[in-house]
Amino acid sequence: MIRATIKRRDDGRIERFGVEGHALFDESGKDIVCAGVSAVTVGTVNAVEALTGLELKTRMKHGLLQVEVPAVSDAKTEEKVQLLLEAMTVMLQSIEQSYGAYIKLQDPNKK
């Protein structure tokens, strides 16, 4: 099972997220749930860094991705970062809705 966790500040902004585990939907190389979650989360890190210039603090190894969002002083950049992170949560929710036996998302703002 993949466990994805979103941690938010008191104002609701995402301050970090993590993904750990394996879906075990199919054998390695054919697991569409793992591939989807990896594409969404790693793609989000890449998008944030490429589109905002902000370097996220990341830790990644087999079956684990931990990301911390550093403080951003520029309001416009912060808005872009948060929009990309919120888009990621929507994509993870979509995967969970279709493959809930293989991924669980913990997010205080989850509907």
PDB file of N, CA and C in Angstrom:
ATOM      1  N   MET A   1       0.844  -1.183   0.000  1.00  0.00           N
ATOM      2  CA  MET A   1       0.000   0.000   0.000  1.00  0.00           C
ATOM      3  C   MET A   1       0.884   1.239   0.000  1.00  0.00           C
ATOM      4  N   ILE A   2       0.495   2.220  -0.794  1.00  0.00           N
ATOM      5  CA  ILE A   2       1.158   3.525  -0.795  1.00  0.00           C
ATOM      6  C   ILE A   2       0.440   4.418   0.199  1.00  0.00           C
ATOM      7  N   ARG A   3       1.221   5.097   1.029  1.00  0.00           N
ATOM      8  CA  ARG A   3       0.682   6.061   1.966  1.00  0.00           C
ATOM      9  C   ARG A   3       1.219   7.441   1.579  1.00  0.00           C
ATOM     10  N   ALA A   4       0.323   8.324   1.215  1.00  0.00           N
ATOM     11  CA  ALA A   4       0.691   9.696   0.864  1.00  0.00           C
ATOM     12  C   ALA A   4       0.152  10.612   1.957  1.00  0.00           C
ATOM     13  N   THR A   5       0.996  11.493   2.445  1.00  0.00           N
ATOM     14  CA  THR A   5       0.624  12.367   3.551  1.00  0.00           C
ATOM     15  C   THR A   5       0.928  13.810   3.186  1.00  0.00           C
ATOM     16  N   ILE A   6      -0.065  14.662   3.373  1.00  0.00           N
ATOM     17  CA  ILE A   6       0.089  16.092   3.154  1.00  0.00           C
ATOM     18  C   ILE A   6       0.076  16.774   4.522  1.00  0.00           C
ATOM     19  N   LYS A   7       1.060  17.594   4.791  1.00  0.00           N
ATOM     20  CA  LYS A   7       1.113  18.360   6.042  1.00  0.00           C
ATOM     21  C   LYS A   7       0.921  19.829   5.701  1.00  0.00           C
ATOM     22  N   ARG A   8       0.024  20.473   6.443  1.00  0.00           N
ATOM     23  CA  ARG A   8      -0.329  21.862   6.167  1.00  0.00           C
ATOM     24  C   ARG A   8      -0.016  22.762   7.358  1.00  0.00           C
ATOM     25  N   ARG A   9       0.243  24.016   7.041  1.00  0.00           N
ATOM     26  CA  ARG A   9       0.392  25.040   8.077  1.00  0.00           C
ATOM     27  C   ARG A   9      -0.994  25.371   8.621  1.00  0.00           C
ATOM     28  N   ASP A  10      -1.044  26.151   9.668  1.00  0.00           N
ATOM     29  CA  ASP A  10      -2.322  26.552  10.258  1.00  0.00           C
ATOM     30  C   ASP A  10      -3.210  27.292   9.262  1.00  0.00           C
ATOM     31  N   ASP A  11      -2.604  27.995   8.305  1.00  0.00           N
ATOM     32  CA  ASP A  11      -3.388  28.748   7.322  1.00  0.00           C
ATOM     33  C   ASP A  11      -3.822  27.888   6.128  1.00  0.00           C
ATOM     34  N   GLY A  12      -3.505  26.582   6.164  1.00  0.00           N
ATOM     35  CA  GLY A  12      -3.936  25.665   5.119  1.00  0.00           C
ATOM     36  C   GLY A  12      -2.936  25.441   4.007  1.00  0.00           C
ATOM     37  N   ARG A  13      -1.880  26.238   3.966  1.00  0.00           N
ATOM     38  CA  ARG A  13      -0.874  26.055   2.921  1.00  0.00           C
ATOM     39  C   ARG A  13      -0.066  24.789   3.178  1.00  0.00           C
ATOM     40  N   ILE A  14       0.306  24.118   2.105  1.00  0.00           N
ATOM     41  CA  ILE A  14       1.091  22.890   2.222  1.00  0.00           C
ATOM     42  C   ILE A  14       2.530  23.249   2.567  1.00  0.00           C
ATOM     43  N   GLU A  15       3.048  22.598   3.634  1.00  0.00           N
ATOM     44  CA  GLU A  15       4.427  22.846   4.039  1.00  0.00           C
ATOM     45  C   GLU A  15       5.342  21.656   3.734  1.00  0.00           C
ATOM     46  N   ARG A  16       4.740  20.461   3.591  1.00  0.00           N
ATOM     47  CA  ARG A  16       5.530  19.286   3.203  1.00  0.00           C
ATOM     48  C   ARG A  16       4.580  18.155   2.809  1.00  0.00           C
ATOM     49  N   PHE A  17       5.140  17.207   2.094  1.00  0.00           N
ATOM     50  CA  PHE A  17       4.374  16.011   1.773  1.00  0.00           C
ATOM     51  C   PHE A  17       5.323  14.835   1.662  1.00  0.00           C
ATOM     52  N   GLY A  18       4.757  13.647   1.817  1.00  0.00           N
ATOM     53  CA  GLY A  18       5.554  12.434   1.713  1.00  0.00           C
ATOM     54  C   GLY A  18       4.743  11.314   1.097  1.00  0.00           C
ATOM     55  N   VAL A  19       5.454  10.432   0.443  1.00  0.00           N
ATOM     56  CA  VAL A  19       4.856   9.247  -0.160  1.00  0.00           C
ATOM     57  C   VAL A  19       5.779   8.082   0.174  1.00  0.00           C
ATOM     58  N   GLU A  20       5.183   6.989   0.687  1.00  0.00           N
ATOM     59  CA  GLU A  20       6.015   5.825   0.992  1.00  0.00           C
ATOM     60  C   GLU A  20       5.243   4.543   0.736  1.00  0.00           C
ATOM     61  N   GLY A  21       5.998   3.515   0.445  1.00  0.00           N
ATOM     62  CA  GLY A  21       5.411   2.209   0.219  1.00  0.00           C
ATOM     63  C   GLY A  21       5.274   1.880  -1.254  1.00  0.00           C
ATOM     64  N   HIS A  22       4.692   0.718  -1.501  1.00  0.00           N
ATOM     65  CA  HIS A  22       4.471   0.236  -2.863  1.00  0.00           C
ATOM     66  C   HIS A  22       3.019  -0.213  -2.980  1.00  0.00           C
ATOM     67  N   ALA A  23       2.432   0.044  -4.127  1.00  0.00           N
ATOM     68  CA  ALA A  23       1.024  -0.288  -4.318  1.00  0.00           C
ATOM     69  C   ALA A  23       0.797  -1.793  -4.378  1.00  0.00           C
ATOM     70  N   LEU A  24       1.694  -2.503  -5.015  1.00  0.00           N
ATOM     71  CA  LEU A  24       1.549  -3.950  -5.243  1.00  0.00           C
ATOM     72  C   LEU A  24       0.298  -4.260  -6.072  1.00  0.00           C
ATOM     73  N   PHE A  25      -0.072  -3.328  -6.943  1.00  0.00           N
ATOM     74  CA  PHE A  25      -1.184  -3.533  -7.869  1.00  0.00           C
ATOM     75  C   PHE A  25      -0.813  -4.577  -8.911  1.00  0.00           C
ATOM     76  N   ASP A  26       0.454  -4.578  -9.324  1.00  0.00           N
ATOM     77  CA  ASP A  26       0.970  -5.508 -10.322  1.00  0.00           C
ATOM     78  C   ASP A  26       2.467  -5.666 -10.075  1.00  0.00           C
ATOM     79  N   GLU A  27       3.110  -6.495 -10.859  1.00  0.00           N
ATOM     80  CA  GLU A  27       4.546  -6.704 -10.684  1.00  0.00           C
ATOM     81  C   GLU A  27       5.320  -5.438 -11.051  1.00  0.00           C
ATOM     82  N   SER A  28       6.528  -5.335 -10.530  1.00  0.00           N
ATOM     83  CA  SER A  28       7.380  -4.183 -10.788  1.00  0.00           C
ATOM     84  C   SER A  28       7.533  -3.969 -12.294  1.00  0.00           C
ATOM     85  N   GLY A  29       7.399  -2.744 -12.714  1.00  0.00           N
ATOM     86  CA  GLY A  29       7.474  -2.415 -14.134  1.00  0.00           C
ATOM     87  C   GLY A  29       6.127  -2.398 -14.826  1.00  0.00           C
ATOM     88  N   LYS A  30       5.111  -2.979 -14.176  1.00  0.00           N
ATOM     89  CA  LYS A  30       3.760  -3.004 -14.726  1.00  0.00           C
ATOM     90  C   LYS A  30       2.733  -2.397 -13.775  1.00  0.00           C
ATOM     91  N   ASP A  31       3.206  -1.873 -12.661  1.00  0.00           N
ATOM     92  CA  ASP A  31       2.315  -1.359 -11.629  1.00  0.00           C
ATOM     93  C   ASP A  31       1.889   0.064 -11.970  1.00  0.00           C
ATOM     94  N   ILE A  32       0.688   0.203 -12.524  1.00  0.00           N
ATOM     95  CA  ILE A  32       0.220   1.517 -12.967  1.00  0.00           C
ATOM     96  C   ILE A  32      -0.079   2.455 -11.803  1.00  0.00           C
ATOM     97  N   VAL A  33      -0.394   1.914 -10.641  1.00  0.00           N
ATOM     98  CA  VAL A  33      -0.665   2.773  -9.488  1.00  0.00           C
ATOM     99  C   VAL A  33       0.636   3.406  -9.004  1.00  0.00           C
ATOM    100  N   CYS A  34       1.673   2.610  -8.839  1.00  0.00           N
ATOM    101  CA  CYS A  34       2.985   3.152  -8.451  1.00  0.00           C
ATOM    102  C   CYS A  34       3.484   4.150  -9.494  1.00  0.00           C
ATOM    103  N   ALA A  35       3.341   3.801 -10.750  1.00  0.00           N
ATOM    104  CA  ALA A  35       3.800   4.689 -11.817  1.00  0.00           C
ATOM    105  C   ALA A  35       3.038   6.010 -11.794  1.00  0.00           C
ATOM    106  N   GLY A  36       1.734   5.940 -11.592  1.00  0.00           N
ATOM    107  CA  GLY A  36       0.926   7.154 -11.545  1.00  0.00           C
ATOM    108  C   GLY A  36       1.292   8.044 -10.380  1.00  0.00           C
ATOM    109  N   VAL A  37       1.432   7.467  -9.207  1.00  0.00           N
ATOM    110  CA  VAL A  37       1.785   8.239  -8.016  1.00  0.00           C
ATOM    111  C   VAL A  37       3.176   8.839  -8.174  1.00  0.00           C
ATOM    112  N   SER A  38       4.109   8.068  -8.691  1.00  0.00           N
ATOM    113  CA  SER A  38       5.466   8.580  -8.907  1.00  0.00           C
ATOM    114  C   SER A  38       5.467   9.726  -9.911  1.00  0.00           C
ATOM    115  N   ALA A  39       4.740   9.564 -11.001  1.00  0.00           N
ATOM    116  CA  ALA A  39       4.683  10.609 -12.025  1.00  0.00           C
ATOM    117  C   ALA A  39       4.088  11.898 -11.453  1.00  0.00           C
ATOM    118  N   VAL A  40       3.028  11.776 -10.670  1.00  0.00           N
ATOM    119  CA  VAL A  40       2.369  12.948 -10.099  1.00  0.00           C
ATOM    120  C   VAL A  40       3.275  13.651  -9.086  1.00  0.00           C
ATOM    121  N   THR A  41       3.876  12.905  -8.171  1.00  0.00           N
ATOM    122  CA  THR A  41       4.653  13.531  -7.093  1.00  0.00           C
ATOM    123  C   THR A  41       6.010  14.054  -7.581  1.00  0.00           C
ATOM    124  N   VAL A  42       6.740  13.239  -8.312  1.00  0.00           N
ATOM    125  CA  VAL A  42       8.039  13.683  -8.827  1.00  0.00           C
ATOM    126  C   VAL A  42       7.830  14.781  -9.870  1.00  0.00           C
ATOM    127  N   GLY A  43       6.787  14.636 -10.681  1.00  0.00           N
ATOM    128  CA  GLY A  43       6.464  15.679 -11.657  1.00  0.00           C
ATOM    129  C   GLY A  43       6.132  16.994 -10.990  1.00  0.00           C
ATOM    130  N   THR A  44       5.464  16.948  -9.854  1.00  0.00           N
ATOM    131  CA  THR A  44       5.149  18.173  -9.114  1.00  0.00           C
ATOM    132  C   THR A  44       6.415  18.835  -8.596  1.00  0.00           C
ATOM    133  N   VAL A  45       7.320  18.054  -8.026  1.00  0.00           N
ATOM    134  CA  VAL A  45       8.599  18.607  -7.563  1.00  0.00           C
ATOM    135  C   VAL A  45       9.316  19.275  -8.733  1.00  0.00           C
ATOM    136  N   ASN A  46       9.394  18.591  -9.862  1.00  0.00           N
ATOM    137  CA  ASN A  46      10.069  19.144 -11.028  1.00  0.00           C
ATOM    138  C   ASN A  46       9.376  20.412 -11.529  1.00  0.00           C
ATOM    139  N   ALA A  47       8.047  20.415 -11.535  1.00  0.00           N
ATOM    140  CA  ALA A  47       7.296  21.583 -11.998  1.00  0.00           C
ATOM    141  C   ALA A  47       7.512  22.784 -11.086  1.00  0.00           C
ATOM    142  N   VAL A  48       7.448  22.555  -9.773  1.00  0.00           N
ATOM    143  CA  VAL A  48       7.680  23.655  -8.831  1.00  0.00           C
ATOM    144  C   VAL A  48       9.055  24.262  -9.055  1.00  0.00           C
ATOM    145  N   GLU A  49      10.056  23.418  -9.155  1.00  0.00           N
ATOM    146  CA  GLU A  49      11.417  23.932  -9.305  1.00  0.00           C
ATOM    147  C   GLU A  49      11.618  24.624 -10.651  1.00  0.00           C
ATOM    148  N   ALA A  50      11.083  24.053 -11.724  1.00  0.00           N
ATOM    149  CA  ALA A  50      11.269  24.627 -13.058  1.00  0.00           C
ATOM    150  C   ALA A  50      10.464  25.908 -13.261  1.00  0.00           C
ATOM    151  N   LEU A  51       9.261  25.962 -12.712  1.00  0.00           N
ATOM    152  CA  LEU A  51       8.377  27.091 -12.991  1.00  0.00           C
ATOM    153  C   LEU A  51       8.481  28.240 -11.989  1.00  0.00           C
ATOM    154  N   THR A  52       9.035  27.952 -10.815  1.00  0.00           N
ATOM    155  CA  THR A  52       9.122  29.013  -9.803  1.00  0.00           C
ATOM    156  C   THR A  52      10.562  29.347  -9.417  1.00  0.00           C
ATOM    157  N   GLY A  53      11.508  28.480  -9.741  1.00  0.00           N
ATOM    158  CA  GLY A  53      12.891  28.698  -9.348  1.00  0.00           C
ATOM    159  C   GLY A  53      13.176  28.329  -7.901  1.00  0.00           C
ATOM    160  N   LEU A  54      12.164  27.861  -7.187  1.00  0.00           N
ATOM    161  CA  LEU A  54      12.320  27.469  -5.789  1.00  0.00           C
ATOM    162  C   LEU A  54      12.865  26.054  -5.714  1.00  0.00           C
ATOM    163  N   GLU A  55      13.894  25.858  -4.922  1.00  0.00           N
ATOM    164  CA  GLU A  55      14.438  24.518  -4.740  1.00  0.00           C
ATOM    165  C   GLU A  55      13.805  23.884  -3.509  1.00  0.00           C
ATOM    166  N   LEU A  56      13.078  22.793  -3.720  1.00  0.00           N
ATOM    167  CA  LEU A  56      12.439  22.077  -2.627  1.00  0.00           C
ATOM    168  C   LEU A  56      13.463  21.180  -1.938  1.00  0.00           C
ATOM    169  N   LYS A  57      13.267  20.964  -0.658  1.00  0.00           N
ATOM    170  CA  LYS A  57      14.126  20.047   0.087  1.00  0.00           C
ATOM    171  C   LYS A  57      13.543  18.649  -0.083  1.00  0.00           C
ATOM    172  N   THR A  58      14.262  17.777  -0.761  1.00  0.00           N
ATOM    173  CA  THR A  58      13.725  16.448  -1.057  1.00  0.00           C
ATOM    174  C   THR A  58      14.644  15.347  -0.551  1.00  0.00           C
ATOM    175  N   ARG A  59      14.007  14.244  -0.238  1.00  0.00           N
ATOM    176  CA  ARG A  59      14.704  12.999   0.107  1.00  0.00           C
ATOM    177  C   ARG A  59      13.984  11.908  -0.671  1.00  0.00           C
ATOM    178  N   MET A  60      14.750  11.178  -1.478  1.00  0.00           N
ATOM    179  CA  MET A  60      14.119  10.158  -2.299  1.00  0.00           C
ATOM    180  C   MET A  60      14.994   8.910  -2.313  1.00  0.00           C
ATOM    181  N   LYS A  61      14.331   7.787  -2.115  1.00  0.00           N
ATOM    182  CA  LYS A  61      14.956   6.480  -2.297  1.00  0.00           C
ATOM    183  C   LYS A  61      13.851   5.515  -2.680  1.00  0.00           C
ATOM    184  N   HIS A  62      14.186   4.298  -2.927  1.00  0.00           N
ATOM    185  CA  HIS A  62      13.217   3.313  -3.394  1.00  0.00           C
ATOM    186  C   HIS A  62      12.014   3.250  -2.447  1.00  0.00           C
ATOM    187  N   GLY A  63      10.841   3.608  -2.961  1.00  0.00           N
ATOM    188  CA  GLY A  63       9.620   3.529  -2.170  1.00  0.00           C
ATOM    189  C   GLY A  63       9.391   4.683  -1.213  1.00  0.00           C
ATOM    190  N   LEU A  64      10.165   5.768  -1.354  1.00  0.00           N
ATOM    191  CA  LEU A  64      10.040   6.886  -0.433  1.00  0.00           C
ATOM    192  C   LEU A  64      10.338   8.201  -1.136  1.00  0.00           C
ATOM    193  N   LEU A  65       9.483   9.181  -0.919  1.00  0.00           N
ATOM    194  CA  LEU A  65       9.737  10.559  -1.341  1.00  0.00           C
ATOM    195  C   LEU A  65       9.242  11.461  -0.219  1.00  0.00           C
ATOM    196  N   GLN A  66      10.137  12.300   0.298  1.00  0.00           N
ATOM    197  CA  GLN A  66       9.770  13.284   1.316  1.00  0.00           C
ATOM    198  C   GLN A  66      10.162  14.655   0.783  1.00  0.00           C
ATOM    199  N   VAL A  67       9.235  15.600   0.860  1.00  0.00           N
ATOM    200  CA  VAL A  67       9.457  16.929   0.301  1.00  0.00           C
ATOM    201  C   VAL A  67       9.049  17.980   1.320  1.00  0.00           C
ATOM    202  N   GLU A  68       9.941  18.940   1.523  1.00  0.00           N
ATOM    203  CA  GLU A  68       9.655  20.063   2.406  1.00  0.00           C
ATOM    204  C   GLU A  68       9.716  21.343   1.581  1.00  0.00           C
ATOM    205  N   VAL A  69       8.725  22.197   1.775  1.00  0.00           N
ATOM    206  CA  VAL A  69       8.655  23.468   1.060  1.00  0.00           C
ATOM    207  C   VAL A  69       9.303  24.537   1.924  1.00  0.00           C
ATOM    208  N   PRO A  70      10.405  25.140   1.459  1.00  0.00           N
ATOM    209  CA  PRO A  70      11.034  26.187   2.267  1.00  0.00           C
ATOM    210  C   PRO A  70      10.173  27.453   2.289  1.00  0.00           C
ATOM    211  N   ALA A  71      10.471  28.327   3.220  1.00  0.00           N
ATOM    212  CA  ALA A  71       9.757  29.606   3.314  1.00  0.00           C
ATOM    213  C   ALA A  71       9.992  30.405   2.036  1.00  0.00           C
ATOM    214  N   VAL A  72       8.928  31.025   1.558  1.00  0.00           N
ATOM    215  CA  VAL A  72       9.001  31.836   0.340  1.00  0.00           C
ATOM    216  C   VAL A  72       8.593  33.257   0.714  1.00  0.00           C
ATOM    217  N   SER A  73       9.471  34.219   0.434  1.00  0.00           N
ATOM    218  CA  SER A  73       9.168  35.602   0.808  1.00  0.00           C
ATOM    219  C   SER A  73       8.328  36.323  -0.246  1.00  0.00           C
ATOM    220  N   ASP A  74       8.419  35.876  -1.494  1.00  0.00           N
ATOM    221  CA  ASP A  74       7.676  36.515  -2.578  1.00  0.00           C
ATOM    222  C   ASP A  74       6.271  35.921  -2.675  1.00  0.00           C
ATOM    223  N   ALA A  75       5.239  36.753  -2.504  1.00  0.00           N
ATOM    224  CA  ALA A  75       3.851  36.277  -2.485  1.00  0.00           C
ATOM    225  C   ALA A  75       3.437  35.633  -3.801  1.00  0.00           C
ATOM    226  N   LYS A  76       3.911  36.172  -4.917  1.00  0.00           N
ATOM    227  CA  LYS A  76       3.543  35.612  -6.225  1.00  0.00           C
ATOM    228  C   LYS A  76       4.127  34.206  -6.400  1.00  0.00           C
ATOM    229  N   THR A  77       5.365  34.042  -5.985  1.00  0.00           N
ATOM    230  CA  THR A  77       6.003  32.727  -6.064  1.00  0.00           C
ATOM    231  C   THR A  77       5.296  31.748  -5.143  1.00  0.00           C
ATOM    232  N   GLU A  78       4.973  32.178  -3.935  1.00  0.00           N
ATOM    233  CA  GLU A  78       4.267  31.319  -2.975  1.00  0.00           C
ATOM    234  C   GLU A  78       2.930  30.859  -3.552  1.00  0.00           C
ATOM    235  N   GLU A  79       2.228  31.757  -4.203  1.00  0.00           N
ATOM    236  CA  GLU A  79       0.946  31.415  -4.814  1.00  0.00           C
ATOM    237  C   GLU A  79       1.110  30.350  -5.893  1.00  0.00           C
ATOM    238  N   LYS A  80       2.135  30.481  -6.719  1.00  0.00           N
ATOM    239  CA  LYS A  80       2.397  29.486  -7.774  1.00  0.00           C
ATOM    240  C   LYS A  80       2.754  28.132  -7.174  1.00  0.00           C
ATOM    241  N   VAL A  81       3.608  28.156  -6.164  1.00  0.00           N
ATOM    242  CA  VAL A  81       4.022  26.919  -5.504  1.00  0.00           C
ATOM    243  C   VAL A  81       2.802  26.205  -4.930  1.00  0.00           C
ATOM    244  N   GLN A  82       1.967  26.935  -4.216  1.00  0.00           N
ATOM    245  CA  GLN A  82       0.795  26.332  -3.582  1.00  0.00           C
ATOM    246  C   GLN A  82      -0.202  25.812  -4.615  1.00  0.00           C
ATOM    247  N   LEU A  83      -0.369  26.520  -5.723  1.00  0.00           N
ATOM    248  CA  LEU A  83      -1.268  26.041  -6.774  1.00  0.00           C
ATOM    249  C   LEU A  83      -0.777  24.708  -7.339  1.00  0.00           C
ATOM    250  N   LEU A  84       0.507  24.606  -7.592  1.00  0.00           N
ATOM    251  CA  LEU A  84       1.054  23.345  -8.103  1.00  0.00           C
ATOM    252  C   LEU A  84       0.898  22.218  -7.080  1.00  0.00           C
ATOM    253  N   LEU A  85       1.129  22.514  -5.813  1.00  0.00           N
ATOM    254  CA  LEU A  85       0.979  21.492  -4.770  1.00  0.00           C
ATOM    255  C   LEU A  85      -0.480  21.076  -4.595  1.00  0.00           C
ATOM    256  N   GLU A  86      -1.390  22.023  -4.676  1.00  0.00           N
ATOM    257  CA  GLU A  86      -2.816  21.686  -4.580  1.00  0.00           C
ATOM    258  C   GLU A  86      -3.258  20.848  -5.774  1.00  0.00           C
ATOM    259  N   ALA A  87      -2.714  21.149  -6.952  1.00  0.00           N
ATOM    260  CA  ALA A  87      -3.020  20.329  -8.133  1.00  0.00           C
ATOM    261  C   ALA A  87      -2.560  18.894  -7.906  1.00  0.00           C
ATOM    262  N   MET A  88      -1.395  18.734  -7.285  1.00  0.00           N
ATOM    263  CA  MET A  88      -0.892  17.397  -6.971  1.00  0.00           C
ATOM    264  C   MET A  88      -1.869  16.661  -6.053  1.00  0.00           C
ATOM    265  N   THR A  89      -2.412  17.352  -5.044  1.00  0.00           N
ATOM    266  CA  THR A  89      -3.332  16.670  -4.127  1.00  0.00           C
ATOM    267  C   THR A  89      -4.597  16.220  -4.853  1.00  0.00           C
ATOM    268  N   VAL A  90      -5.075  17.022  -5.786  1.00  0.00           N
ATOM    269  CA  VAL A  90      -6.251  16.626  -6.570  1.00  0.00           C
ATOM    270  C   VAL A  90      -5.944  15.378  -7.393  1.00  0.00           C
ATOM    271  N   MET A  91      -4.762  15.341  -7.993  1.00  0.00           N
ATOM    272  CA  MET A  91      -4.386  14.162  -8.791  1.00  0.00           C
ATOM    273  C   MET A  91      -4.257  12.919  -7.913  1.00  0.00           C
ATOM    274  N   LEU A  92      -3.683  13.062  -6.726  1.00  0.00           N
ATOM    275  CA  LEU A  92      -3.569  11.924  -5.812  1.00  0.00           C
ATOM    276  C   LEU A  92      -4.949  11.463  -5.342  1.00  0.00           C
ATOM    277  N   GLN A  93      -5.855  12.398  -5.098  1.00  0.00           N
ATOM    278  CA  GLN A  93      -7.223  12.028  -4.728  1.00  0.00           C
ATOM    279  C   GLN A  93      -7.893  11.247  -5.857  1.00  0.00           C
ATOM    280  N   SER A  94      -7.644  11.648  -7.081  1.00  0.00           N
ATOM    281  CA  SER A  94      -8.225  10.941  -8.234  1.00  0.00           C
ATOM    282  C   SER A  94      -7.709   9.512  -8.315  1.00  0.00           C
ATOM    283  N   ILE A  95      -6.414   9.337  -8.073  1.00  0.00           N
ATOM    284  CA  ILE A  95      -5.850   7.983  -8.078  1.00  0.00           C
ATOM    285  C   ILE A  95      -6.451   7.173  -6.940  1.00  0.00           C
ATOM    286  N   GLU A  96      -6.581   7.793  -5.771  1.00  0.00           N
ATOM    287  CA  GLU A  96      -7.155   7.090  -4.620  1.00  0.00           C
ATOM    288  C   GLU A  96      -8.611   6.694  -4.880  1.00  0.00           C
ATOM    289  N   GLN A  97      -9.374   7.538  -5.535  1.00  0.00           N
ATOM    290  CA  GLN A  97     -10.772   7.211  -5.833  1.00  0.00           C
ATOM    291  C   GLN A  97     -10.883   5.976  -6.727  1.00  0.00           C
ATOM    292  N   SER A  98      -9.950   5.827  -7.649  1.00  0.00           N
ATOM    293  CA  SER A  98      -9.988   4.681  -8.565  1.00  0.00           C
ATOM    294  C   SER A  98      -9.294   3.447  -8.010  1.00  0.00           C
ATOM    295  N   TYR A  99      -8.278   3.636  -7.174  1.00  0.00           N
ATOM    296  CA  TYR A  99      -7.445   2.525  -6.703  1.00  0.00           C
ATOM    297  C   TYR A  99      -7.254   2.578  -5.186  1.00  0.00           C
ATOM    298  N   GLY A 100      -8.326   2.830  -4.463  1.00  0.00           N
ATOM    299  CA  GLY A 100      -8.265   3.011  -3.017  1.00  0.00           C
ATOM    300  C   GLY A 100      -7.717   1.836  -2.234  1.00  0.00           C
ATOM    301  N   ALA A 101      -7.731   0.655  -2.803  1.00  0.00           N
ATOM    302  CA  ALA A 101      -7.164  -0.508  -2.119  1.00  0.00           C
ATOM    303  C   ALA A 101      -5.635  -0.484  -2.142  1.00  0.00           C
ATOM    304  N   TYR A 102      -5.059   0.422  -2.957  1.00  0.00           N
ATOM    305  CA  TYR A 102      -3.608   0.435  -3.152  1.00  0.00           C
ATOM    306  C   TYR A 102      -2.941   1.733  -2.714  1.00  0.00           C
ATOM    307  N   ILE A 103      -3.734   2.757  -2.447  1.00  0.00           N
ATOM    308  CA  ILE A 103      -3.187   4.048  -2.013  1.00  0.00           C
ATOM    309  C   ILE A 103      -4.150   4.713  -1.035  1.00  0.00           C
ATOM    310  N   LYS A 104      -3.574   5.278   0.021  1.00  0.00           N
ATOM    311  CA  LYS A 104      -4.340   6.053   0.992  1.00  0.00           C
ATOM    312  C   LYS A 104      -3.691   7.430   1.107  1.00  0.00           C
ATOM    313  N   LEU A 105      -4.513   8.456   0.984  1.00  0.00           N
ATOM    314  CA  LEU A 105      -4.052   9.831   1.085  1.00  0.00           C
ATOM    315  C   LEU A 105      -4.555  10.430   2.388  1.00  0.00           C
ATOM    316  N   GLN A 106      -3.643  10.965   3.180  1.00  0.00           N
ATOM    317  CA  GLN A 106      -3.987  11.667   4.409  1.00  0.00           C
ATOM    318  C   GLN A 106      -3.730  13.151   4.164  1.00  0.00           C
ATOM    319  N   ASP A 107      -4.802  13.924   4.213  1.00  0.00           N
ATOM    320  CA  ASP A 107      -4.706  15.364   3.991  1.00  0.00           C
ATOM    321  C   ASP A 107      -5.793  16.022   4.827  1.00  0.00           C
ATOM    322  N   PRO A 108      -5.410  16.941   5.698  1.00  0.00           N
ATOM    323  CA  PRO A 108      -6.406  17.598   6.537  1.00  0.00           C
ATOM    324  C   PRO A 108      -7.502  18.316   5.730  1.00  0.00           C
ATOM    325  N   ASN A 109      -7.233  18.714   4.512  1.00  0.00           N
ATOM    326  CA  ASN A 109      -8.222  19.426   3.685  1.00  0.00           C
ATOM    327  C   ASN A 109      -8.974  18.511   2.736  1.00  0.00           C
ATOM    328  N   LYS A 110      -8.728  17.207   2.822  1.00  0.00           N
ATOM    329  CA  LYS A 110      -9.360  16.241   1.901  1.00  0.00           C
ATOM    330  C   LYS A 110     -10.862  16.241   2.071  1.00  0.00           C
ATOM    331  N   LYS A 111     -11.538  16.251   0.934  1.00  0.00           N
ATOM    332  CA  LYS A 111     -13.010  16.244   0.949  1.00  0.00           C
ATOM    333  C   LYS A 111     -13.536  14.898   0.565  1.00  0.00           C
TER     334      LYS A 111
END
